[in-house]
Amino acid sequence: MISFARKVLFAGLVSCAIGGIGLTSLAAAQEAPNPAPKVRKVPVSAAEAPMPPAIEDFSYPNAAQVLADRGITLKKGDGHLVLADCAAAHDIRVEAGKDIADGKFCFKASSASGYLTMELPDVFAIFTKDQHSVRAKVTAEGETTTVNVPKNDWEQVGEGDSSTGNKPSVLVELRITS
């Protein structure tokens, strides 16, 4: 029979041998760390400079071109109410004096809420279709009036509104309220 001391000595030798093999394999498997790459700073010209972060100011895109083409100043909005072609699908129609384009301006709504600020002179009527009601702000002689136009209805404003004295008015805001 093998004595207890020999068993302990044999187990200790086996453990040391296995541990030594394991340590040498770990040491051999690791690579030396790569040195950090050298970064060369190159001056950047203004044309190659990174773009500044985008800041949304809600200005209407291509407003200058729309003013030149149609005679309406589109200022700001949330993007849910945009100028549209009256021959295409639209939700709101505003009629103004014949001196401005053909006198008809149509707007398309893409949401149940939205707004657009503008300057549309000589406005006299606002029409809505069955999807949206609208609150319009018009100014005449320095006073601003709010007009509510229900769904699928129309309201006279400015020169078309005898209750306000048929004063020439400028449409300054359309806001979807439905």
N, C-alpha and C. Protein backbone atom coordinates (compact mmCIF):
# COMPACT_ATOMS: atom_id res chain seq x y z
N MET A 1 0.80 -1.17 0.00
CA MET A 1 0.00 0.00 0.00
C MET A 1 0.86 1.26 0.00
N ILE A 2 0.35 2.29 -0.59
CA ILE A 2 1.10 3.54 -0.67
C ILE A 2 0.80 4.34 0.59
N SER A 3 1.87 4.86 1.14
CA SER A 3 1.68 5.61 2.38
C SER A 3 1.04 6.98 2.11
N PHE A 4 0.49 7.50 3.19
CA PHE A 4 -0.20 8.79 3.10
C PHE A 4 0.78 9.88 2.67
N ALA A 5 1.97 9.88 3.14
CA ALA A 5 2.97 10.90 2.82
C ALA A 5 3.32 10.86 1.34
N ARG A 6 3.42 9.64 0.77
CA ARG A 6 3.74 9.53 -0.64
C ARG A 6 2.58 10.06 -1.50
N LYS A 7 1.36 9.80 -1.07
CA LYS A 7 0.20 10.31 -1.82
C LYS A 7 0.20 11.83 -1.85
N VAL A 8 0.45 12.44 -0.72
CA VAL A 8 0.47 13.90 -0.63
C VAL A 8 1.60 14.46 -1.47
N LEU A 9 2.79 13.84 -1.41
CA LEU A 9 3.93 14.28 -2.19
C LEU A 9 3.65 14.15 -3.68
N PHE A 10 3.07 13.04 -4.08
CA PHE A 10 2.75 12.81 -5.49
C PHE A 10 1.70 13.84 -5.97
N ALA A 11 0.66 14.08 -5.20
CA ALA A 11 -0.37 15.05 -5.57
C ALA A 11 0.22 16.44 -5.69
N GLY A 12 1.13 16.80 -4.79
CA GLY A 12 1.77 18.11 -4.84
C GLY A 12 2.60 18.28 -6.09
N LEU A 13 3.37 17.22 -6.47
CA LEU A 13 4.18 17.29 -7.68
C LEU A 13 3.32 17.41 -8.94
N VAL A 14 2.23 16.68 -8.99
CA VAL A 14 1.33 16.75 -10.15
C VAL A 14 0.72 18.15 -10.24
N SER A 15 0.31 18.71 -9.12
CA SER A 15 -0.28 20.05 -9.12
C SER A 15 0.71 21.09 -9.60
N CYS A 16 1.94 20.99 -9.14
CA CYS A 16 2.97 21.94 -9.56
C CYS A 16 3.25 21.81 -11.05
N ALA A 17 3.29 20.59 -11.54
CA ALA A 17 3.56 20.38 -12.96
C ALA A 17 2.44 20.97 -13.82
N ILE A 18 1.20 20.71 -13.43
CA ILE A 18 0.06 21.24 -14.19
C ILE A 18 0.04 22.77 -14.12
N GLY A 19 0.28 23.32 -12.93
CA GLY A 19 0.31 24.77 -12.77
C GLY A 19 1.41 25.40 -13.59
N GLY A 20 2.58 24.77 -13.61
CA GLY A 20 3.69 25.31 -14.39
C GLY A 20 3.40 25.30 -15.88
N ILE A 21 2.80 24.22 -16.36
CA ILE A 21 2.45 24.13 -17.78
C ILE A 21 1.42 25.20 -18.13
N GLY A 22 0.45 25.39 -17.25
CA GLY A 22 -0.59 26.40 -17.50
C GLY A 22 -0.02 27.81 -17.54
N LEU A 23 0.88 28.13 -16.63
CA LEU A 23 1.47 29.47 -16.60
C LEU A 23 2.32 29.72 -17.83
N THR A 24 3.09 28.74 -18.26
CA THR A 24 3.92 28.94 -19.44
C THR A 24 3.08 29.09 -20.69
N SER A 25 1.97 28.37 -20.77
CA SER A 25 1.12 28.51 -21.96
C SER A 25 0.45 29.88 -21.97
N LEU A 26 0.05 30.39 -20.83
CA LEU A 26 -0.55 31.73 -20.78
C LEU A 26 0.47 32.80 -21.12
N ALA A 27 1.67 32.64 -20.63
CA ALA A 27 2.70 33.63 -20.89
C ALA A 27 3.08 33.63 -22.36
N ALA A 28 3.09 32.49 -22.99
CA ALA A 28 3.48 32.40 -24.39
C ALA A 28 2.38 32.89 -25.32
N ALA A 29 1.11 32.80 -24.91
CA ALA A 29 0.00 33.14 -25.79
C ALA A 29 -0.23 34.64 -25.89
N GLN A 30 0.28 35.41 -24.97
CA GLN A 30 0.03 36.85 -24.99
C GLN A 30 1.07 37.57 -25.83
N GLU A 31 0.57 38.56 -26.58
CA GLU A 31 1.46 39.37 -27.39
C GLU A 31 1.85 40.62 -26.61
N ALA A 32 2.90 41.21 -27.06
CA ALA A 32 3.31 42.48 -26.46
C ALA A 32 2.32 43.56 -26.91
N PRO A 33 1.99 44.53 -26.05
CA PRO A 33 1.04 45.57 -26.45
C PRO A 33 1.61 46.43 -27.56
N ASN A 34 0.69 46.85 -28.47
CA ASN A 34 1.09 47.72 -29.57
C ASN A 34 1.29 49.14 -29.05
N PRO A 35 2.30 49.82 -29.53
CA PRO A 35 2.45 51.22 -29.11
C PRO A 35 1.32 52.05 -29.72
N ALA A 36 0.93 53.11 -29.06
CA ALA A 36 -0.14 53.98 -29.56
C ALA A 36 0.30 54.61 -30.87
N PRO A 37 -0.61 54.65 -31.86
CA PRO A 37 -0.23 55.26 -33.14
C PRO A 37 -0.01 56.76 -32.96
N LYS A 38 0.92 57.26 -33.71
CA LYS A 38 1.20 58.69 -33.63
C LYS A 38 0.18 59.42 -34.49
N VAL A 39 -0.41 60.45 -33.92
CA VAL A 39 -1.41 61.26 -34.61
C VAL A 39 -0.75 62.56 -35.02
N ARG A 40 -0.87 62.86 -36.29
CA ARG A 40 -0.30 64.09 -36.79
C ARG A 40 -1.42 65.10 -36.97
N LYS A 41 -1.31 66.24 -36.34
CA LYS A 41 -2.33 67.27 -36.46
C LYS A 41 -2.07 68.07 -37.72
N VAL A 42 -3.12 68.15 -38.56
CA VAL A 42 -3.04 68.88 -39.81
C VAL A 42 -4.02 70.04 -39.72
N PRO A 43 -3.62 71.24 -40.07
CA PRO A 43 -4.58 72.35 -40.04
C PRO A 43 -5.72 72.10 -41.03
N VAL A 44 -6.92 72.44 -40.61
CA VAL A 44 -8.11 72.21 -41.43
C VAL A 44 -8.54 73.54 -42.01
N SER A 45 -8.80 73.56 -43.32
CA SER A 45 -9.28 74.78 -43.95
C SER A 45 -10.74 74.99 -43.59
N ALA A 46 -11.23 76.19 -43.82
CA ALA A 46 -12.63 76.50 -43.50
C ALA A 46 -13.58 75.63 -44.30
N ALA A 47 -13.20 75.26 -45.52
CA ALA A 47 -14.08 74.43 -46.34
C ALA A 47 -14.18 73.01 -45.81
N GLU A 48 -13.14 72.54 -45.11
CA GLU A 48 -13.14 71.18 -44.59
C GLU A 48 -13.54 71.11 -43.12
N ALA A 49 -13.84 72.24 -42.51
CA ALA A 49 -14.20 72.26 -41.09
C ALA A 49 -15.50 71.50 -40.89
N PRO A 50 -15.64 70.85 -39.75
CA PRO A 50 -16.88 70.11 -39.51
C PRO A 50 -18.08 71.05 -39.45
N MET A 51 -19.23 70.50 -39.86
CA MET A 51 -20.46 71.29 -39.87
C MET A 51 -20.88 71.59 -38.44
N PRO A 52 -21.41 72.78 -38.20
CA PRO A 52 -21.93 73.07 -36.87
C PRO A 52 -23.20 72.27 -36.64
N PRO A 53 -23.58 72.06 -35.41
CA PRO A 53 -24.81 71.30 -35.16
C PRO A 53 -26.02 72.03 -35.73
N ALA A 54 -26.98 71.26 -36.22
CA ALA A 54 -28.19 71.85 -36.80
C ALA A 54 -29.06 72.41 -35.69
N ILE A 55 -29.52 73.62 -35.88
CA ILE A 55 -30.43 74.25 -34.93
C ILE A 55 -31.70 74.59 -35.69
N GLU A 56 -32.81 74.01 -35.29
CA GLU A 56 -34.08 74.24 -35.97
C GLU A 56 -34.67 75.57 -35.51
N ASP A 57 -34.89 76.46 -36.46
CA ASP A 57 -35.53 77.73 -36.12
C ASP A 57 -36.93 77.82 -36.71
N PHE A 58 -37.39 76.73 -37.32
CA PHE A 58 -38.73 76.60 -37.86
C PHE A 58 -39.01 77.55 -39.03
N SER A 59 -37.97 78.11 -39.65
CA SER A 59 -38.17 78.95 -40.82
C SER A 59 -38.69 78.11 -41.97
N TYR A 60 -39.56 78.70 -42.78
CA TYR A 60 -40.14 77.98 -43.91
C TYR A 60 -39.08 77.81 -44.99
N PRO A 61 -38.86 76.59 -45.49
CA PRO A 61 -37.84 76.38 -46.52
C PRO A 61 -38.22 77.05 -47.83
N ASN A 62 -37.23 77.61 -48.52
CA ASN A 62 -37.41 78.26 -49.82
C ASN A 62 -38.42 79.40 -49.78
N ALA A 63 -38.51 80.09 -48.66
CA ALA A 63 -39.50 81.17 -48.51
C ALA A 63 -39.26 82.30 -49.50
N ALA A 64 -38.00 82.62 -49.78
CA ALA A 64 -37.71 83.70 -50.72
C ALA A 64 -38.21 83.36 -52.12
N GLN A 65 -38.05 82.11 -52.53
CA GLN A 65 -38.53 81.69 -53.85
C GLN A 65 -40.06 81.71 -53.91
N VAL A 66 -40.71 81.27 -52.84
CA VAL A 66 -42.18 81.29 -52.79
C VAL A 66 -42.69 82.72 -52.88
N LEU A 67 -42.02 83.65 -52.19
CA LEU A 67 -42.41 85.06 -52.27
C LEU A 67 -42.27 85.58 -53.69
N ALA A 68 -41.17 85.25 -54.34
CA ALA A 68 -40.96 85.72 -55.72
C ALA A 68 -41.98 85.11 -56.68
N ASP A 69 -42.30 83.83 -56.50
CA ASP A 69 -43.20 83.14 -57.42
C ASP A 69 -44.68 83.42 -57.14
N ARG A 70 -45.07 83.46 -55.87
CA ARG A 70 -46.49 83.49 -55.51
C ARG A 70 -46.95 84.76 -54.81
N GLY A 71 -46.03 85.56 -54.28
CA GLY A 71 -46.42 86.79 -53.61
C GLY A 71 -46.87 86.61 -52.17
N ILE A 72 -46.52 85.50 -51.54
CA ILE A 72 -46.87 85.24 -50.15
C ILE A 72 -45.57 85.06 -49.36
N THR A 73 -45.48 85.74 -48.22
CA THR A 73 -44.31 85.60 -47.36
C THR A 73 -44.61 84.53 -46.33
N LEU A 74 -43.94 83.39 -46.45
CA LEU A 74 -44.08 82.30 -45.47
C LEU A 74 -42.94 82.43 -44.48
N LYS A 75 -43.28 82.53 -43.20
CA LYS A 75 -42.25 82.80 -42.19
C LYS A 75 -41.83 81.55 -41.44
N LYS A 76 -42.64 81.11 -40.52
CA LYS A 76 -42.26 79.98 -39.68
C LYS A 76 -43.44 79.04 -39.51
N GLY A 77 -43.12 77.80 -39.19
CA GLY A 77 -44.15 76.81 -38.92
C GLY A 77 -43.52 75.56 -38.33
N ASP A 78 -44.37 74.62 -37.98
CA ASP A 78 -43.87 73.38 -37.39
C ASP A 78 -43.76 72.25 -38.41
N GLY A 79 -44.05 72.54 -39.68
CA GLY A 79 -43.94 71.53 -40.73
C GLY A 79 -45.20 70.72 -40.95
N HIS A 80 -46.20 70.89 -40.11
CA HIS A 80 -47.45 70.13 -40.26
C HIS A 80 -48.48 70.86 -41.12
N LEU A 81 -48.20 72.10 -41.50
CA LEU A 81 -49.08 72.87 -42.37
C LEU A 81 -48.20 73.55 -43.41
N VAL A 82 -48.36 73.15 -44.67
CA VAL A 82 -47.48 73.65 -45.72
C VAL A 82 -48.30 74.15 -46.91
N LEU A 83 -47.70 75.08 -47.65
CA LEU A 83 -48.32 75.59 -48.87
C LEU A 83 -48.43 74.45 -49.87
N ALA A 84 -49.57 74.35 -50.53
CA ALA A 84 -49.80 73.26 -51.49
C ALA A 84 -50.35 73.82 -52.79
N ASP A 85 -50.31 73.00 -53.81
CA ASP A 85 -50.90 73.33 -55.10
C ASP A 85 -52.41 73.16 -54.98
N CYS A 86 -53.17 74.16 -55.37
CA CYS A 86 -54.63 74.08 -55.25
C CYS A 86 -55.24 73.02 -56.18
N ALA A 87 -54.52 72.64 -57.23
CA ALA A 87 -55.02 71.60 -58.12
C ALA A 87 -54.85 70.21 -57.49
N ALA A 88 -53.99 70.10 -56.49
CA ALA A 88 -53.77 68.83 -55.80
C ALA A 88 -54.60 68.79 -54.52
N ALA A 89 -54.49 67.70 -53.79
CA ALA A 89 -55.22 67.56 -52.53
C ALA A 89 -54.75 68.63 -51.54
N HIS A 90 -55.70 69.27 -50.88
CA HIS A 90 -55.38 70.28 -49.88
C HIS A 90 -56.50 70.31 -48.84
N ASP A 91 -56.22 70.93 -47.69
CA ASP A 91 -57.17 70.97 -46.59
C ASP A 91 -57.75 72.36 -46.33
N ILE A 92 -57.00 73.39 -46.68
CA ILE A 92 -57.41 74.76 -46.41
C ILE A 92 -57.16 75.59 -47.66
N ARG A 93 -58.10 76.49 -47.98
CA ARG A 93 -57.90 77.42 -49.09
C ARG A 93 -58.15 78.83 -48.59
N VAL A 94 -57.25 79.72 -48.94
CA VAL A 94 -57.38 81.13 -48.58
C VAL A 94 -57.47 81.91 -49.87
N GLU A 95 -58.42 82.85 -49.92
CA GLU A 95 -58.55 83.69 -51.11
C GLU A 95 -58.15 85.11 -50.76
N ALA A 96 -57.37 85.68 -51.67
CA ALA A 96 -56.84 87.03 -51.47
C ALA A 96 -57.05 87.81 -52.76
N GLY A 97 -56.67 89.07 -52.73
CA GLY A 97 -56.83 89.94 -53.90
C GLY A 97 -56.19 89.36 -55.14
N LYS A 98 -56.75 89.67 -56.29
CA LYS A 98 -56.28 89.13 -57.57
C LYS A 98 -54.89 89.64 -57.95
N ASP A 99 -54.40 90.68 -57.26
CA ASP A 99 -53.07 91.19 -57.58
C ASP A 99 -51.97 90.23 -57.14
N ILE A 100 -52.33 89.24 -56.33
CA ILE A 100 -51.35 88.29 -55.82
C ILE A 100 -51.58 86.95 -56.50
N ALA A 101 -50.65 86.55 -57.34
CA ALA A 101 -50.76 85.28 -58.08
C ALA A 101 -52.16 85.18 -58.69
N ASP A 102 -52.87 84.07 -58.46
CA ASP A 102 -54.24 83.95 -58.96
C ASP A 102 -55.25 84.21 -57.84
N GLY A 103 -54.76 84.61 -56.67
CA GLY A 103 -55.65 84.93 -55.56
C GLY A 103 -56.04 83.75 -54.70
N LYS A 104 -55.61 82.54 -55.07
CA LYS A 104 -55.96 81.34 -54.29
C LYS A 104 -54.68 80.71 -53.74
N PHE A 105 -54.70 80.44 -52.43
CA PHE A 105 -53.57 79.83 -51.75
C PHE A 105 -54.08 78.64 -50.96
N CYS A 106 -53.51 77.49 -51.22
CA CYS A 106 -53.98 76.27 -50.57
C CYS A 106 -52.89 75.72 -49.65
N PHE A 107 -53.35 75.04 -48.60
CA PHE A 107 -52.45 74.50 -47.59
C PHE A 107 -52.83 73.06 -47.29
N LYS A 108 -51.83 72.24 -47.07
CA LYS A 108 -52.02 70.83 -46.76
C LYS A 108 -51.58 70.59 -45.33
N ALA A 109 -52.43 69.90 -44.56
CA ALA A 109 -52.11 69.56 -43.17
C ALA A 109 -51.71 68.09 -43.10
N SER A 110 -50.66 67.80 -42.35
CA SER A 110 -50.22 66.42 -42.19
C SER A 110 -50.42 65.92 -40.77
N SER A 111 -51.15 66.68 -39.96
CA SER A 111 -51.36 66.31 -38.57
C SER A 111 -52.63 66.98 -38.07
N ALA A 112 -53.08 66.56 -36.90
CA ALA A 112 -54.27 67.17 -36.29
C ALA A 112 -53.95 68.51 -35.64
N SER A 113 -52.68 68.86 -35.60
CA SER A 113 -52.28 70.18 -35.09
C SER A 113 -51.12 70.67 -35.94
N GLY A 114 -50.98 71.97 -36.01
CA GLY A 114 -49.90 72.56 -36.77
C GLY A 114 -50.14 74.04 -36.95
N TYR A 115 -49.09 74.76 -37.32
CA TYR A 115 -49.25 76.19 -37.54
C TYR A 115 -48.29 76.67 -38.61
N LEU A 116 -48.61 77.82 -39.17
CA LEU A 116 -47.76 78.47 -40.16
C LEU A 116 -47.98 79.97 -40.03
N THR A 117 -46.89 80.71 -39.85
CA THR A 117 -47.00 82.17 -39.83
C THR A 117 -46.59 82.68 -41.20
N MET A 118 -47.19 83.80 -41.59
CA MET A 118 -47.02 84.30 -42.95
C MET A 118 -47.43 85.75 -43.03
N GLU A 119 -47.31 86.31 -44.20
CA GLU A 119 -47.90 87.60 -44.54
C GLU A 119 -48.55 87.44 -45.89
N LEU A 120 -49.87 87.39 -45.89
CA LEU A 120 -50.65 87.29 -47.11
C LEU A 120 -51.62 88.46 -47.14
N PRO A 121 -51.32 89.50 -47.93
CA PRO A 121 -52.16 90.70 -47.93
C PRO A 121 -53.47 90.49 -48.70
N ASP A 122 -54.42 91.37 -48.40
CA ASP A 122 -55.71 91.43 -49.11
C ASP A 122 -56.51 90.14 -49.04
N VAL A 123 -56.42 89.43 -47.93
CA VAL A 123 -57.18 88.20 -47.76
C VAL A 123 -58.64 88.54 -47.49
N PHE A 124 -59.56 87.75 -48.09
CA PHE A 124 -60.98 88.02 -47.85
C PHE A 124 -61.81 86.79 -47.51
N ALA A 125 -61.27 85.57 -47.65
CA ALA A 125 -62.04 84.37 -47.29
C ALA A 125 -61.10 83.21 -46.97
N ILE A 126 -61.55 82.36 -46.03
CA ILE A 126 -60.81 81.16 -45.65
C ILE A 126 -61.79 79.99 -45.68
N PHE A 127 -61.44 78.93 -46.42
CA PHE A 127 -62.28 77.74 -46.57
C PHE A 127 -61.55 76.54 -45.96
N THR A 128 -62.30 75.66 -45.29
CA THR A 128 -61.72 74.42 -44.77
C THR A 128 -62.48 73.24 -45.35
N LYS A 129 -61.81 72.11 -45.40
CA LYS A 129 -62.48 70.87 -45.81
C LYS A 129 -62.88 70.12 -44.56
N ASP A 130 -63.36 68.89 -44.71
CA ASP A 130 -63.97 68.16 -43.59
C ASP A 130 -62.99 67.56 -42.59
N GLN A 131 -61.69 67.73 -42.78
CA GLN A 131 -60.72 67.13 -41.86
C GLN A 131 -60.28 68.05 -40.72
N HIS A 132 -60.20 69.35 -40.96
CA HIS A 132 -59.58 70.25 -39.98
C HIS A 132 -60.36 71.55 -39.82
N SER A 133 -60.43 72.00 -38.58
CA SER A 133 -60.88 73.37 -38.32
C SER A 133 -59.63 74.21 -38.12
N VAL A 134 -59.78 75.53 -38.31
CA VAL A 134 -58.62 76.41 -38.33
C VAL A 134 -58.90 77.67 -37.51
N ARG A 135 -57.86 78.16 -36.86
CA ARG A 135 -57.91 79.48 -36.23
C ARG A 135 -56.94 80.36 -37.02
N ALA A 136 -57.45 81.46 -37.55
CA ALA A 136 -56.64 82.36 -38.37
C ALA A 136 -56.49 83.69 -37.65
N LYS A 137 -55.31 84.27 -37.78
CA LYS A 137 -55.08 85.61 -37.25
C LYS A 137 -54.87 86.54 -38.43
N VAL A 138 -55.64 87.62 -38.46
CA VAL A 138 -55.53 88.63 -39.51
C VAL A 138 -55.31 89.99 -38.85
N THR A 139 -54.54 90.83 -39.52
CA THR A 139 -54.31 92.18 -39.01
C THR A 139 -54.85 93.19 -40.00
N ALA A 140 -55.45 94.24 -39.46
CA ALA A 140 -55.94 95.36 -40.27
C ALA A 140 -55.73 96.63 -39.46
N GLU A 141 -55.06 97.58 -40.05
CA GLU A 141 -54.79 98.86 -39.41
C GLU A 141 -54.18 98.69 -38.03
N GLY A 142 -53.24 97.75 -37.90
CA GLY A 142 -52.52 97.55 -36.65
C GLY A 142 -53.22 96.69 -35.62
N GLU A 143 -54.45 96.28 -35.86
CA GLU A 143 -55.19 95.43 -34.92
C GLU A 143 -55.23 94.00 -35.43
N THR A 144 -55.00 93.05 -34.52
CA THR A 144 -55.05 91.64 -34.88
C THR A 144 -56.37 91.05 -34.42
N THR A 145 -57.01 90.32 -35.33
CA THR A 145 -58.29 89.66 -35.04
C THR A 145 -58.11 88.16 -35.25
N THR A 146 -58.72 87.37 -34.38
CA THR A 146 -58.68 85.92 -34.52
C THR A 146 -60.02 85.44 -35.06
N VAL A 147 -59.96 84.61 -36.09
CA VAL A 147 -61.16 84.08 -36.74
C VAL A 147 -61.11 82.56 -36.67
N ASN A 148 -62.16 81.94 -36.16
CA ASN A 148 -62.26 80.48 -36.12
C ASN A 148 -63.09 80.00 -37.30
N VAL A 149 -62.54 79.05 -38.04
CA VAL A 149 -63.23 78.49 -39.20
C VAL A 149 -63.46 77.01 -38.91
N PRO A 150 -64.73 76.59 -38.74
CA PRO A 150 -65.03 75.18 -38.45
C PRO A 150 -64.69 74.27 -39.64
N LYS A 151 -64.68 72.97 -39.36
CA LYS A 151 -64.46 71.98 -40.42
C LYS A 151 -65.52 72.14 -41.50
N ASN A 152 -65.10 71.96 -42.74
CA ASN A 152 -66.01 71.95 -43.89
C ASN A 152 -66.88 73.21 -43.92
N ASP A 153 -66.26 74.36 -43.73
CA ASP A 153 -66.99 75.63 -43.69
C ASP A 153 -66.08 76.72 -44.24
N TRP A 154 -66.57 77.95 -44.19
CA TRP A 154 -65.76 79.08 -44.63
C TRP A 154 -66.14 80.31 -43.83
N GLU A 155 -65.23 81.26 -43.79
CA GLU A 155 -65.47 82.52 -43.09
C GLU A 155 -64.93 83.66 -43.95
N GLN A 156 -65.66 84.75 -43.94
CA GLN A 156 -65.18 85.96 -44.59
C GLN A 156 -64.28 86.70 -43.61
N VAL A 157 -63.20 87.23 -44.11
CA VAL A 157 -62.26 88.01 -43.30
C VAL A 157 -61.84 89.24 -44.10
N GLY A 158 -61.27 90.21 -43.42
CA GLY A 158 -60.73 91.38 -44.11
C GLY A 158 -61.78 92.10 -44.93
N GLU A 159 -61.48 92.30 -46.20
CA GLU A 159 -62.39 93.04 -47.08
C GLU A 159 -63.70 92.31 -47.31
N GLY A 160 -63.73 91.01 -47.05
CA GLY A 160 -64.96 90.25 -47.20
C GLY A 160 -65.84 90.26 -45.97
N ASP A 161 -65.35 90.83 -44.86
CA ASP A 161 -66.07 90.80 -43.59
C ASP A 161 -66.65 92.17 -43.27
N SER A 162 -67.95 92.32 -43.51
CA SER A 162 -68.59 93.61 -43.26
C SER A 162 -68.66 93.94 -41.77
N SER A 163 -68.59 92.92 -40.90
CA SER A 163 -68.67 93.19 -39.46
C SER A 163 -67.43 93.91 -38.94
N THR A 164 -66.32 93.83 -39.66
CA THR A 164 -65.11 94.55 -39.26
C THR A 164 -64.87 95.76 -40.15
N GLY A 165 -65.82 96.12 -40.95
CA GLY A 165 -65.70 97.31 -41.78
C GLY A 165 -65.02 97.08 -43.11
N ASN A 166 -64.95 95.86 -43.55
CA ASN A 166 -64.35 95.51 -44.84
C ASN A 166 -62.95 96.11 -45.01
N LYS A 167 -62.17 96.08 -43.96
CA LYS A 167 -60.82 96.66 -44.02
C LYS A 167 -59.86 95.69 -44.69
N PRO A 168 -58.98 96.20 -45.55
CA PRO A 168 -57.96 95.33 -46.12
C PRO A 168 -57.15 94.69 -44.99
N SER A 169 -56.98 93.38 -45.05
CA SER A 169 -56.32 92.65 -43.97
C SER A 169 -55.20 91.77 -44.49
N VAL A 170 -54.28 91.49 -43.59
CA VAL A 170 -53.16 90.61 -43.88
C VAL A 170 -53.31 89.37 -43.01
N LEU A 171 -53.30 88.20 -43.65
CA LEU A 171 -53.33 86.94 -42.90
C LEU A 171 -51.92 86.73 -42.34
N VAL A 172 -51.82 86.59 -41.00
CA VAL A 172 -50.50 86.44 -40.39
C VAL A 172 -50.27 85.06 -39.78
N GLU A 173 -51.36 84.29 -39.56
CA GLU A 173 -51.16 82.95 -39.00
C GLU A 173 -52.35 82.06 -39.30
N LEU A 174 -52.06 80.81 -39.62
CA LEU A 174 -53.06 79.75 -39.69
C LEU A 174 -52.65 78.70 -38.66
N ARG A 175 -53.61 78.23 -37.88
CA ARG A 175 -53.33 77.22 -36.86
C ARG A 175 -54.44 76.17 -36.91
N ILE A 176 -54.06 74.90 -37.07
CA ILE A 176 -55.03 73.80 -37.09
C ILE A 176 -55.50 73.59 -35.66
N THR A 177 -56.81 73.52 -35.47
CA THR A 177 -57.36 73.37 -34.12
C THR A 177 -58.11 72.07 -33.92
N SER A 178 -58.19 71.22 -34.92
CA SER A 178 -58.92 69.96 -34.74
C SER A 178 -57.98 68.81 -34.56
